[in-house]
Amino acid sequence: MKEVAYQFIHLQVQNGESCRFWSDNWSPYGKLHDYLDAGRSQLGIPKNATLASLQRNGSWQLPAARTKRQLQVLSYITTVQFNEEPDYYEWEISGEISNKYSTGDIYHFMRGTVEEAEWTKAIWTPGSITRQSFHAWYLPYALSVTRLMKPEIICFGIVVTCTLSGPKGQADVGSPQLEDGKTR
């Protein structure tokens, strides 16, 4: 889950003192540990280095680049300008930036666009009791033979008989029956 949330969190570099060079999402390249394959080569930069620790007396103390990606990162670092403000994190979801975390925004982004069914306004009304609305929604869903007869259930050899309509639409208000005809 940490990797999923990581893409939404961006560190805005101000003074660079809390910006961890290798692990924070502060550059356009994301986590530099992954981008530069730091498991093999760390450029001589310590694993716990901050961005501010790489600058002394207004001059960047950076090693020479040995790959194209290292050159890209080191070139980008030279454009970073520090100020006196502390670094801070922002949430960026679908191009919108916020200083606060919103579970709803993350959920809707990850879920994607889902068409709302016509019947939802009848079940999920603003003044209703949530528990009762849930039961009103779940009961038809649970009793629906077409919902229960999904291929993943059938592949395990489970045959489900609806207690209201029976196996072939016959009215059967008795106990649910198993495949062998026994009741539970």
Protein backbone atom coordinates (compact mmCIF):
# COMPACT_ATOMS: atom_id res chain seq x y z
CA MET A 1 0.00 0.00 0.00
CA LYS A 2 2.94 2.28 0.67
CA GLU A 3 3.93 2.22 -3.01
CA VAL A 4 0.39 3.08 -4.06
CA ALA A 5 0.22 6.15 -1.82
CA TYR A 6 3.79 7.22 -2.70
CA GLN A 7 2.79 8.41 -6.16
CA PHE A 8 0.38 10.95 -4.68
CA ILE A 9 2.77 12.51 -2.13
CA HIS A 10 5.22 15.15 -3.36
CA LEU A 11 7.75 16.99 -1.23
CA GLN A 12 8.08 20.65 -2.06
CA VAL A 13 11.69 21.60 -1.47
CA GLN A 14 12.17 24.88 0.38
CA ASN A 15 15.29 24.71 2.58
CA GLY A 16 16.08 21.05 1.75
CA GLU A 17 16.83 20.11 5.37
CA SER A 18 14.11 17.45 5.65
CA CYS A 19 14.22 16.32 2.01
CA ARG A 20 15.75 12.83 1.94
CA PHE A 21 17.71 12.64 -1.31
CA TRP A 22 17.14 8.94 -2.04
CA SER A 23 13.66 8.21 -0.70
CA ASP A 24 11.46 11.32 -0.88
CA ASN A 25 9.39 12.12 -3.96
CA TRP A 26 10.88 15.57 -4.52
CA SER A 27 12.12 15.39 -8.11
CA PRO A 28 10.29 14.80 -11.40
CA TYR A 29 11.97 11.36 -11.46
CA GLY A 30 10.18 10.07 -8.34
CA LYS A 31 12.10 7.99 -5.83
CA LEU A 32 15.74 8.42 -6.85
CA HIS A 33 16.76 5.16 -5.18
CA ASP A 34 14.67 3.32 -7.79
CA TYR A 35 15.29 5.69 -10.71
CA LEU A 36 19.08 5.55 -10.37
CA ASP A 37 19.16 1.89 -9.30
CA ALA A 38 20.91 2.89 -6.09
CA GLY A 39 21.20 -0.73 -5.00
CA ARG A 40 24.20 -0.96 -7.32
CA SER A 41 25.58 2.58 -7.35
CA GLN A 42 24.87 5.33 -4.86
CA LEU A 43 27.08 7.99 -6.49
CA GLY A 44 28.95 8.26 -3.22
CA ILE A 45 25.94 9.98 -1.64
CA PRO A 46 25.04 8.47 1.77
CA LYS A 47 21.71 6.66 2.04
CA ASN A 48 20.42 9.08 4.72
CA ALA A 49 21.62 12.29 2.97
CA THR A 50 19.31 15.26 2.75
CA LEU A 51 19.24 17.59 -0.21
CA ALA A 52 20.62 20.44 1.92
CA SER A 53 23.59 18.28 2.95
CA LEU A 54 24.71 18.19 -0.69
CA GLN A 55 25.20 21.97 -0.80
CA ARG A 56 27.94 23.80 1.07
CA ASN A 57 28.46 27.55 1.02
CA GLY A 58 25.99 27.94 -1.85
CA SER A 59 27.81 25.41 -4.03
CA TRP A 60 26.61 21.90 -4.88
CA GLN A 61 28.97 19.11 -3.82
CA LEU A 62 27.93 16.48 -6.36
CA PRO A 63 29.89 13.55 -7.80
CA ALA A 64 30.47 13.20 -11.53
CA ALA A 65 27.65 11.53 -13.48
CA ARG A 66 28.44 8.15 -15.03
CA THR A 67 25.10 7.40 -16.72
CA LYS A 68 22.50 9.35 -18.65
CA ARG A 69 20.01 9.11 -15.75
CA GLN A 70 22.58 10.35 -13.25
CA LEU A 71 23.30 13.29 -15.55
CA GLN A 72 19.56 14.10 -15.72
CA VAL A 73 19.21 14.06 -11.92
CA LEU A 74 22.38 16.05 -11.25
CA SER A 75 21.37 18.62 -13.89
CA TYR A 76 17.95 18.98 -12.25
CA ILE A 77 19.50 19.39 -8.78
CA THR A 78 21.50 22.40 -9.97
CA THR A 79 18.21 24.19 -10.74
CA VAL A 80 16.92 23.80 -7.16
CA GLN A 81 16.95 27.06 -5.19
CA PHE A 82 16.73 26.94 -1.39
CA ASN A 83 14.99 29.49 0.82
CA GLU A 84 14.40 29.84 4.57
CA GLU A 85 10.99 28.09 4.66
CA PRO A 86 10.72 24.44 5.81
CA ASP A 87 10.04 21.69 3.26
CA TYR A 88 6.44 20.51 3.07
CA TYR A 89 4.42 17.69 1.53
CA GLU A 90 1.57 18.04 -0.95
CA TRP A 91 -0.98 15.52 -2.21
CA GLU A 92 -1.42 15.53 -5.96
CA ILE A 93 -4.39 13.60 -7.31
CA SER A 94 -5.46 13.94 -10.95
CA GLY A 95 -3.43 17.14 -11.26
CA GLU A 96 -5.13 18.79 -8.26
CA ILE A 97 -2.83 19.75 -5.40
CA SER A 98 -3.87 19.77 -1.75
CA ASN A 99 -2.08 20.15 1.58
CA LYS A 100 -4.59 17.78 3.22
CA TYR A 101 -5.11 14.06 2.75
CA SER A 102 -8.55 13.00 1.54
CA THR A 103 -9.52 9.33 1.68
CA GLY A 104 -12.47 10.03 -0.61
CA ASP A 105 -10.28 11.63 -3.29
CA ILE A 106 -7.84 8.70 -3.25
CA TYR A 107 -10.71 6.19 -3.36
CA HIS A 108 -12.43 7.87 -6.31
CA PHE A 109 -9.15 8.19 -8.21
CA MET A 110 -8.21 4.54 -7.72
CA ARG A 111 -11.74 3.26 -8.40
CA GLY A 112 -12.03 5.26 -11.58
CA THR A 113 -15.27 6.45 -13.08
CA VAL A 114 -18.20 4.20 -12.34
CA GLU A 115 -21.61 4.76 -13.80
CA GLU A 116 -24.21 5.28 -11.09
CA ALA A 117 -27.14 2.88 -11.26
CA GLU A 118 -30.61 4.40 -11.59
CA TRP A 119 -31.92 2.77 -8.40
CA THR A 120 -29.27 4.25 -6.06
CA LYS A 121 -31.28 7.40 -5.36
CA ALA A 122 -34.15 5.25 -4.08
CA ILE A 123 -31.94 3.29 -1.66
CA TRP A 124 -29.25 5.79 -0.60
CA THR A 125 -31.30 8.82 0.40
CA PRO A 126 -29.83 11.71 2.43
CA GLY A 127 -32.13 11.28 5.44
CA SER A 128 -32.06 7.49 5.61
CA ILE A 129 -30.51 5.30 8.26
CA THR A 130 -27.33 3.82 6.79
CA ARG A 131 -27.88 0.35 8.21
CA GLN A 132 -31.36 0.10 6.71
CA SER A 133 -30.19 1.45 3.35
CA PHE A 134 -27.42 -1.14 3.33
CA HIS A 135 -29.87 -3.97 3.98
CA ALA A 136 -32.25 -2.65 1.31
CA TRP A 137 -29.35 -2.68 -1.15
CA TYR A 138 -27.82 -5.99 -0.07
CA LEU A 139 -30.92 -8.20 0.11
CA PRO A 140 -31.74 -8.21 -3.62
CA TYR A 141 -28.03 -8.48 -4.40
CA ALA A 142 -27.58 -11.52 -2.13
CA LEU A 143 -30.68 -13.28 -3.45
CA SER A 144 -29.95 -12.68 -7.11
CA VAL A 145 -29.25 -16.04 -8.79
CA THR A 146 -27.34 -14.35 -11.60
CA ARG A 147 -25.01 -12.64 -9.11
CA LEU A 148 -24.38 -15.87 -7.21
CA MET A 149 -23.76 -18.02 -10.28
CA LYS A 150 -20.49 -16.37 -11.22
CA PRO A 151 -17.91 -18.49 -13.09
CA GLU A 152 -15.44 -18.36 -10.19
CA ILE A 153 -18.05 -19.96 -7.91
CA ILE A 154 -19.13 -22.54 -10.48
CA CYS A 155 -15.53 -23.60 -11.15
CA PHE A 156 -15.28 -24.83 -7.55
CA GLY A 157 -18.32 -27.08 -8.06
CA ILE A 158 -20.59 -25.02 -5.84
CA VAL A 159 -24.18 -24.87 -7.04
CA VAL A 160 -26.28 -22.21 -5.38
CA THR A 161 -30.06 -22.46 -5.29
CA CYS A 162 -32.06 -19.33 -4.59
CA THR A 163 -34.43 -19.91 -1.69
CA LEU A 164 -37.12 -17.69 -3.21
CA SER A 165 -37.22 -18.83 -6.82
CA GLY A 166 -35.73 -22.34 -6.70
CA PRO A 167 -33.49 -23.90 -9.32
CA LYS A 168 -35.62 -23.14 -12.41
CA GLY A 169 -37.72 -20.22 -11.25
CA GLN A 170 -40.05 -22.50 -9.22
CA ALA A 171 -41.35 -21.07 -5.98
CA ASP A 172 -39.50 -22.75 -3.13
CA VAL A 173 -39.69 -20.96 0.18
CA GLY A 174 -38.09 -23.79 2.14
CA SER A 175 -34.50 -24.26 3.21
CA PRO A 176 -31.65 -23.85 0.73
CA GLN A 177 -30.75 -27.13 -0.91
CA LEU A 178 -27.30 -28.42 -1.69
CA GLU A 179 -26.37 -30.20 -4.92
CA ASP A 180 -27.11 -33.63 -3.41
CA GLY A 181 -30.68 -32.59 -2.44
CA LYS A 182 -29.99 -32.28 1.29
CA THR A 183 -30.98 -29.15 3.17
CA ARG A 184 -28.75 -27.23 5.53
